[in-house]
C-alpha atoms as a PDB file:
ATOM      1  CA  MET A   1     -51.636   4.980  87.049  1.00  0.00           C
ATOM      2  CA  THR A   2     -49.050   4.803  89.811  1.00  0.00           C
ATOM      3  CA  ILE A   3     -45.413   4.951  88.744  1.00  0.00           C
ATOM      4  CA  ARG A   4     -43.369   4.212  91.840  1.00  0.00           C
ATOM      5  CA  GLU A   5     -39.982   5.736  92.635  1.00  0.00           C
ATOM      6  CA  ILE A   6     -37.050   3.436  91.890  1.00  0.00           C
ATOM      7  CA  ARG A   7     -34.625   2.661  94.715  1.00  0.00           C
ATOM      8  CA  LEU A   8     -30.985   3.249  93.823  1.00  0.00           C
ATOM      9  CA  LEU A   9     -27.820   1.266  94.475  1.00  0.00           C
ATOM     10  CA  GLY A  10     -26.945   1.780  98.128  1.00  0.00           C
ATOM     11  CA  ASP A  11     -30.483   1.154  99.371  1.00  0.00           C
ATOM     12  CA  ALA A  12     -30.409  -1.965 101.591  1.00  0.00           C
ATOM     13  CA  VAL A  13     -33.639  -3.348 100.117  1.00  0.00           C
ATOM     14  CA  LEU A  14     -31.764  -4.041  96.866  1.00  0.00           C
ATOM     15  CA  ARG A  15     -29.288  -6.301  98.673  1.00  0.00           C
ATOM     16  CA  THR A  16     -31.852  -8.288 100.656  1.00  0.00           C
ATOM     17  CA  GLU A  17     -33.303 -11.586  99.450  1.00  0.00           C
ATOM     18  CA  THR A  18     -37.054 -11.263  99.091  1.00  0.00           C
ATOM     19  CA  ASP A  19     -39.731 -13.242 100.903  1.00  0.00           C
ATOM     20  CA  PRO A  20     -42.058 -15.586  99.023  1.00  0.00           C
ATOM     21  CA  VAL A  21     -45.585 -14.282  98.605  1.00  0.00           C
ATOM     22  CA  THR A  22     -48.049 -16.231 100.766  1.00  0.00           C
ATOM     23  CA  SER A  23     -51.094 -13.930 100.765  1.00  0.00           C
ATOM     24  CA  PHE A  24     -52.932 -13.446  97.506  1.00  0.00           C
ATOM     25  CA  ASP A  25     -54.939 -10.449  98.606  1.00  0.00           C
ATOM     26  CA  ALA A  26     -55.692  -6.826  97.707  1.00  0.00           C
ATOM     27  CA  GLU A  27     -52.218  -5.764  98.854  1.00  0.00           C
ATOM     28  CA  LEU A  28     -50.602  -8.134  96.330  1.00  0.00           C
ATOM     29  CA  ARG A  29     -52.968  -6.990  93.578  1.00  0.00           C
ATOM     30  CA  GLN A  30     -51.966  -3.369  94.267  1.00  0.00           C
ATOM     31  CA  LEU A  31     -48.271  -4.306  94.204  1.00  0.00           C
ATOM     32  CA  VAL A  32     -48.729  -6.048  90.836  1.00  0.00           C
ATOM     33  CA  THR A  33     -50.573  -3.006  89.471  1.00  0.00           C
ATOM     34  CA  ASP A  34     -47.838  -0.668  90.703  1.00  0.00           C
ATOM     35  CA  LEU A  35     -45.100  -2.861  89.185  1.00  0.00           C
ATOM     36  CA  LEU A  36     -46.894  -2.992  85.833  1.00  0.00           C
ATOM     37  CA  ASP A  37     -47.556   0.766  85.873  1.00  0.00           C
ATOM     38  CA  THR A  38     -43.916   1.426  86.750  1.00  0.00           C
ATOM     39  CA  VAL A  39     -42.505  -0.803  83.994  1.00  0.00           C
ATOM     40  CA  THR A  40     -44.886   0.454  81.303  1.00  0.00           C
ATOM     41  CA  GLY A  41     -45.154   4.072  82.426  1.00  0.00           C
ATOM     42  CA  ARG A  42     -41.850   5.242  80.995  1.00  0.00           C
ATOM     43  CA  PRO A  43     -40.064   4.069  77.840  1.00  0.00           C
ATOM     44  CA  GLY A  44     -36.912   2.006  78.013  1.00  0.00           C
ATOM     45  CA  ARG A  45     -37.832  -0.223  80.926  1.00  0.00           C
ATOM     46  CA  ALA A  46     -37.630  -3.987  80.458  1.00  0.00           C
ATOM     47  CA  GLY A  47     -38.575  -4.978  83.990  1.00  0.00           C
ATOM     48  CA  VAL A  48     -39.066  -3.849  87.564  1.00  0.00           C
ATOM     49  CA  ALA A  49     -38.697  -6.061  90.622  1.00  0.00           C
ATOM     50  CA  ALA A  50     -40.513  -5.408  93.890  1.00  0.00           C
ATOM     51  CA  PRO A  51     -37.299  -4.499  95.785  1.00  0.00           C
ATOM     52  CA  GLN A  52     -36.693  -1.705  93.269  1.00  0.00           C
ATOM     53  CA  ILE A  53     -39.830  -0.004  94.583  1.00  0.00           C
ATOM     54  CA  GLY A  54     -38.989  -0.803  98.202  1.00  0.00           C
ATOM     55  CA  VAL A  55     -40.978  -4.006  98.683  1.00  0.00           C
ATOM     56  CA  GLY A  56     -39.290  -7.220  99.833  1.00  0.00           C
ATOM     57  CA  ALA A  57     -41.632  -9.617  98.020  1.00  0.00           C
ATOM     58  CA  ARG A  58     -40.834 -12.160  95.270  1.00  0.00           C
ATOM     59  CA  VAL A  59     -42.646 -10.384  92.430  1.00  0.00           C
ATOM     60  CA  PHE A  60     -41.474  -8.701  89.248  1.00  0.00           C
ATOM     61  CA  SER A  61     -42.989  -7.171  86.135  1.00  0.00           C
ATOM     62  CA  TYR A  62     -41.598  -7.153  82.608  1.00  0.00           C
ATOM     63  CA  ALA A  63     -42.274  -5.309  79.359  1.00  0.00           C
ATOM     64  CA  VAL A  64     -40.233  -6.412  76.374  1.00  0.00           C
ATOM     65  CA  GLY A  65     -41.737  -5.513  73.036  1.00  0.00           C
ATOM     66  CA  GLU A  66     -45.336  -6.697  73.004  1.00  0.00           C
ATOM     67  CA  GLN A  67     -44.778  -9.046  75.947  1.00  0.00           C
ATOM     68  CA  VAL A  68     -45.933  -7.443  79.196  1.00  0.00           C
ATOM     69  CA  GLY A  69     -46.676  -9.239  82.432  1.00  0.00           C
ATOM     70  CA  TYR A  70     -45.581 -10.185  85.897  1.00  0.00           C
ATOM     71  CA  VAL A  71     -44.638 -13.264  87.907  1.00  0.00           C
ATOM     72  CA  VAL A  72     -45.172 -13.969  91.599  1.00  0.00           C
ATOM     73  CA  ASN A  73     -42.721 -16.355  93.308  1.00  0.00           C
ATOM     74  CA  PRO A  74     -40.718 -17.007  90.126  1.00  0.00           C
ATOM     75  CA  VAL A  75     -38.340 -19.914  89.750  1.00  0.00           C
ATOM     76  CA  LEU A  76     -35.787 -19.358  86.996  1.00  0.00           C
ATOM     77  CA  THR A  77     -34.447 -21.975  84.605  1.00  0.00           C
ATOM     78  CA  VAL A  78     -31.828 -21.017  82.013  1.00  0.00           C
ATOM     79  CA  ASP A  79     -30.459 -22.805  78.979  1.00  0.00           C
ATOM     80  CA  TRP A  80     -26.764 -21.998  78.497  1.00  0.00           C
ATOM     81  CA  THR A  81     -26.648 -23.725  75.082  1.00  0.00           C
ATOM     82  CA  GLU A  82     -26.451 -20.239  73.592  1.00  0.00           C
ATOM     83  CA  GLU A  83     -25.169 -17.155  75.385  1.00  0.00           C
ATOM     84  CA  GLN A  84     -25.548 -13.427  74.913  1.00  0.00           C
ATOM     85  CA  ASP A  85     -23.040 -10.843  76.056  1.00  0.00           C
ATOM     86  CA  ASP A  86     -24.826  -7.593  75.381  1.00  0.00           C
ATOM     87  CA  GLU A  87     -24.805  -4.378  77.339  1.00  0.00           C
ATOM     88  CA  GLU A  88     -27.131  -4.388  80.314  1.00  0.00           C
ATOM     89  CA  GLY A  89     -28.432  -1.588  82.453  1.00  0.00           C
ATOM     90  CA  CYS A  90     -30.551  -1.246  85.555  1.00  0.00           C
ATOM     91  CA  LEU A  91     -33.029   1.330  86.773  1.00  0.00           C
ATOM     92  CA  SER A  92     -31.347   1.140  90.182  1.00  0.00           C
ATOM     93  CA  ILE A  93     -27.989   2.024  88.592  1.00  0.00           C
ATOM     94  CA  PRO A  94     -29.213   4.724  86.207  1.00  0.00           C
ATOM     95  CA  GLY A  95     -27.326   5.729  83.103  1.00  0.00           C
ATOM     96  CA  LEU A  96     -24.689   3.000  83.276  1.00  0.00           C
ATOM     97  CA  TYR A  97     -24.498   0.061  80.867  1.00  0.00           C
ATOM     98  CA  PHE A  98     -21.947  -2.726  80.759  1.00  0.00           C
ATOM     99  CA  PRO A  99     -21.629  -6.031  78.889  1.00  0.00           C
ATOM    100  CA  ARG A 100     -23.077  -8.860  80.980  1.00  0.00           C
ATOM    101  CA  ARG A 101     -23.021 -12.514  79.963  1.00  0.00           C
ATOM    102  CA  ARG A 102     -26.437 -14.179  80.174  1.00  0.00           C
ATOM    103  CA  ALA A 103     -28.105 -17.292  78.837  1.00  0.00           C
ATOM    104  CA  ASN A 104     -29.927 -16.586  75.586  1.00  0.00           C
ATOM    105  CA  SER A 105     -32.930 -18.643  76.679  1.00  0.00           C
ATOM    106  CA  ALA A 106     -34.738 -18.488  80.020  1.00  0.00           C
ATOM    107  CA  THR A 107     -37.997 -19.612  81.610  1.00  0.00           C
ATOM    108  CA  VAL A 108     -39.652 -18.595  84.845  1.00  0.00           C
ATOM    109  CA  THR A 109     -42.427 -20.552  86.464  1.00  0.00           C
ATOM    110  CA  GLY A 110     -44.503 -19.060  89.221  1.00  0.00           C
ATOM    111  CA  VAL A 111     -48.022 -17.917  89.900  1.00  0.00           C
ATOM    112  CA  ASP A 112     -50.236 -14.969  89.091  1.00  0.00           C
ATOM    113  CA  GLN A 113     -51.855 -12.625  91.619  1.00  0.00           C
ATOM    114  CA  HIS A 114     -54.568 -15.214  92.284  1.00  0.00           C
ATOM    115  CA  GLY A 115     -52.153 -18.090  92.896  1.00  0.00           C
ATOM    116  CA  GLU A 116     -52.710 -19.709  89.484  1.00  0.00           C
ATOM    117  CA  PRO A 117     -49.639 -21.248  87.800  1.00  0.00           C
ATOM    118  CA  ILE A 118     -47.952 -19.311  84.997  1.00  0.00           C
ATOM    119  CA  THR A 119     -44.865 -19.833  82.860  1.00  0.00           C
ATOM    120  CA  VAL A 120     -42.974 -17.213  80.876  1.00  0.00           C
ATOM    121  CA  SER A 121     -40.271 -18.243  78.413  1.00  0.00           C
ATOM    122  CA  GLY A 122     -38.154 -16.120  76.140  1.00  0.00           C
ATOM    123  CA  THR A 123     -34.954 -15.614  74.269  1.00  0.00           C
ATOM    124  CA  GLY A 124     -32.794 -12.565  73.726  1.00  0.00           C
ATOM    125  CA  MET A 125     -33.973  -9.459  75.559  1.00  0.00           C
ATOM    126  CA  LEU A 126     -36.877 -11.217  77.302  1.00  0.00           C
ATOM    127  CA  ALA A 127     -34.516 -13.924  78.585  1.00  0.00           C
ATOM    128  CA  ARG A 128     -32.146 -11.206  79.812  1.00  0.00           C
ATOM    129  CA  ALA A 129     -35.006  -9.412  81.597  1.00  0.00           C
ATOM    130  CA  LEU A 130     -36.237 -12.618  83.278  1.00  0.00           C
ATOM    131  CA  GLN A 131     -32.727 -13.353  84.564  1.00  0.00           C
ATOM    132  CA  HIS A 132     -32.089  -9.738  85.618  1.00  0.00           C
ATOM    133  CA  GLU A 133     -35.344  -9.389  87.554  1.00  0.00           C
ATOM    134  CA  THR A 134     -34.961 -12.770  89.250  1.00  0.00           C
ATOM    135  CA  ASP A 135     -31.488 -11.670  90.369  1.00  0.00           C
ATOM    136  CA  HIS A 136     -33.093  -8.630  92.029  1.00  0.00           C
ATOM    137  CA  LEU A 137     -35.336 -10.945  94.041  1.00  0.00           C
ATOM    138  CA  ASN A 138     -32.200 -12.685  95.323  1.00  0.00           C
ATOM    139  CA  GLY A 139     -30.579  -9.411  96.407  1.00  0.00           C
ATOM    140  CA  GLU A 140     -28.204  -9.320  93.434  1.00  0.00           C
ATOM    141  CA  LEU A 141     -27.478  -6.603  90.881  1.00  0.00           C
ATOM    142  CA  TYR A 142     -26.129  -7.175  87.376  1.00  0.00           C
ATOM    143  CA  ILE A 143     -22.818  -5.483  88.202  1.00  0.00           C
ATOM    144  CA  ASP A 144     -22.136  -8.127  90.880  1.00  0.00           C
ATOM    145  CA  LYS A 145     -21.257 -10.707  88.203  1.00  0.00           C
ATOM    146  CA  LEU A 146     -19.110  -8.477  86.011  1.00  0.00           C
ATOM    147  CA  GLU A 147     -15.487  -9.542  85.787  1.00  0.00           C
ATOM    148  CA  GLY A 148     -12.024  -8.104  85.243  1.00  0.00           C
ATOM    149  CA  ASP A 149     -11.609  -4.713  83.596  1.00  0.00           C
ATOM    150  CA  VAL A 150     -15.337  -4.390  82.962  1.00  0.00           C
ATOM    151  CA  ARG A 151     -16.052  -4.785  86.692  1.00  0.00           C
ATOM    152  CA  ARG A 152     -13.390  -2.229  87.627  1.00  0.00           C
ATOM    153  CA  GLN A 153     -14.764   0.202  85.046  1.00  0.00           C
ATOM    154  CA  ALA A 154     -18.320  -0.319  86.357  1.00  0.00           C
ATOM    155  CA  LEU A 155     -17.335   0.275  89.977  1.00  0.00           C
ATOM    156  CA  ARG A 156     -15.455   3.463  89.050  1.00  0.00           C
ATOM    157  CA  ALA A 157     -18.466   4.669  87.061  1.00  0.00           C
ATOM    158  CA  VAL A 158     -20.804   3.964  89.992  1.00  0.00           C
ATOM    159  CA  ARG A 159     -18.583   5.882  92.421  1.00  0.00           C
ATOM    160  CA  SER A 160     -18.500   8.920  90.131  1.00  0.00           C
ATOM    161  CA  ALA A 161     -22.175   8.849  89.043  1.00  0.00           C
ATOM    162  CA  PRO A 162     -24.093  12.031  89.948  1.00  0.00           C
ATOM    163  CA  TRP A 163     -26.845  10.036  91.673  1.00  0.00           C
ATOM    164  CA  ALA A 164     -24.250   8.220  93.836  1.00  0.00           C
ATOM    165  CA  GLN A 165     -22.727  11.534  94.954  1.00  0.00           C
ATOM    166  CA  ARG A 166     -26.042  12.573  96.511  1.00  0.00           C
ATOM    167  CA  ARG A 167     -26.294   9.461  98.656  1.00  0.00           C
END
């Protein structure tokens, strides 16, 4: 089992849009394995995107309840009929949680490590994870879409976080 180190806010790879996967080879299979090991290797993780382990590829893993998997080259579709505004956190912004509005229902379509089509749909926490991880692949972090006082509070908390002081 290989649990990869998580890149923290401030690392340029987190702010860079990822490249689509075009080679379905041993390197991709190892990346998928590492992402799955990283998301399932420690409790409390809902997903890990490739940029969070320093790889600029459009791949993420997820583990929400009994649902564990990954998606290569995901395309996100959300249904804003119902919303959720729960606290959200991020492994790349450790220890900080803020309310973030998300669609309550989301679907990603993409492919598996062999290039075969897959679809993952969910509501609640799984929908939040699918949206959060897809954002990572676009170079976005959940705090980017916070607004007003919550955004100001989040930015202050980031500046004073112990892990940010070491950077």
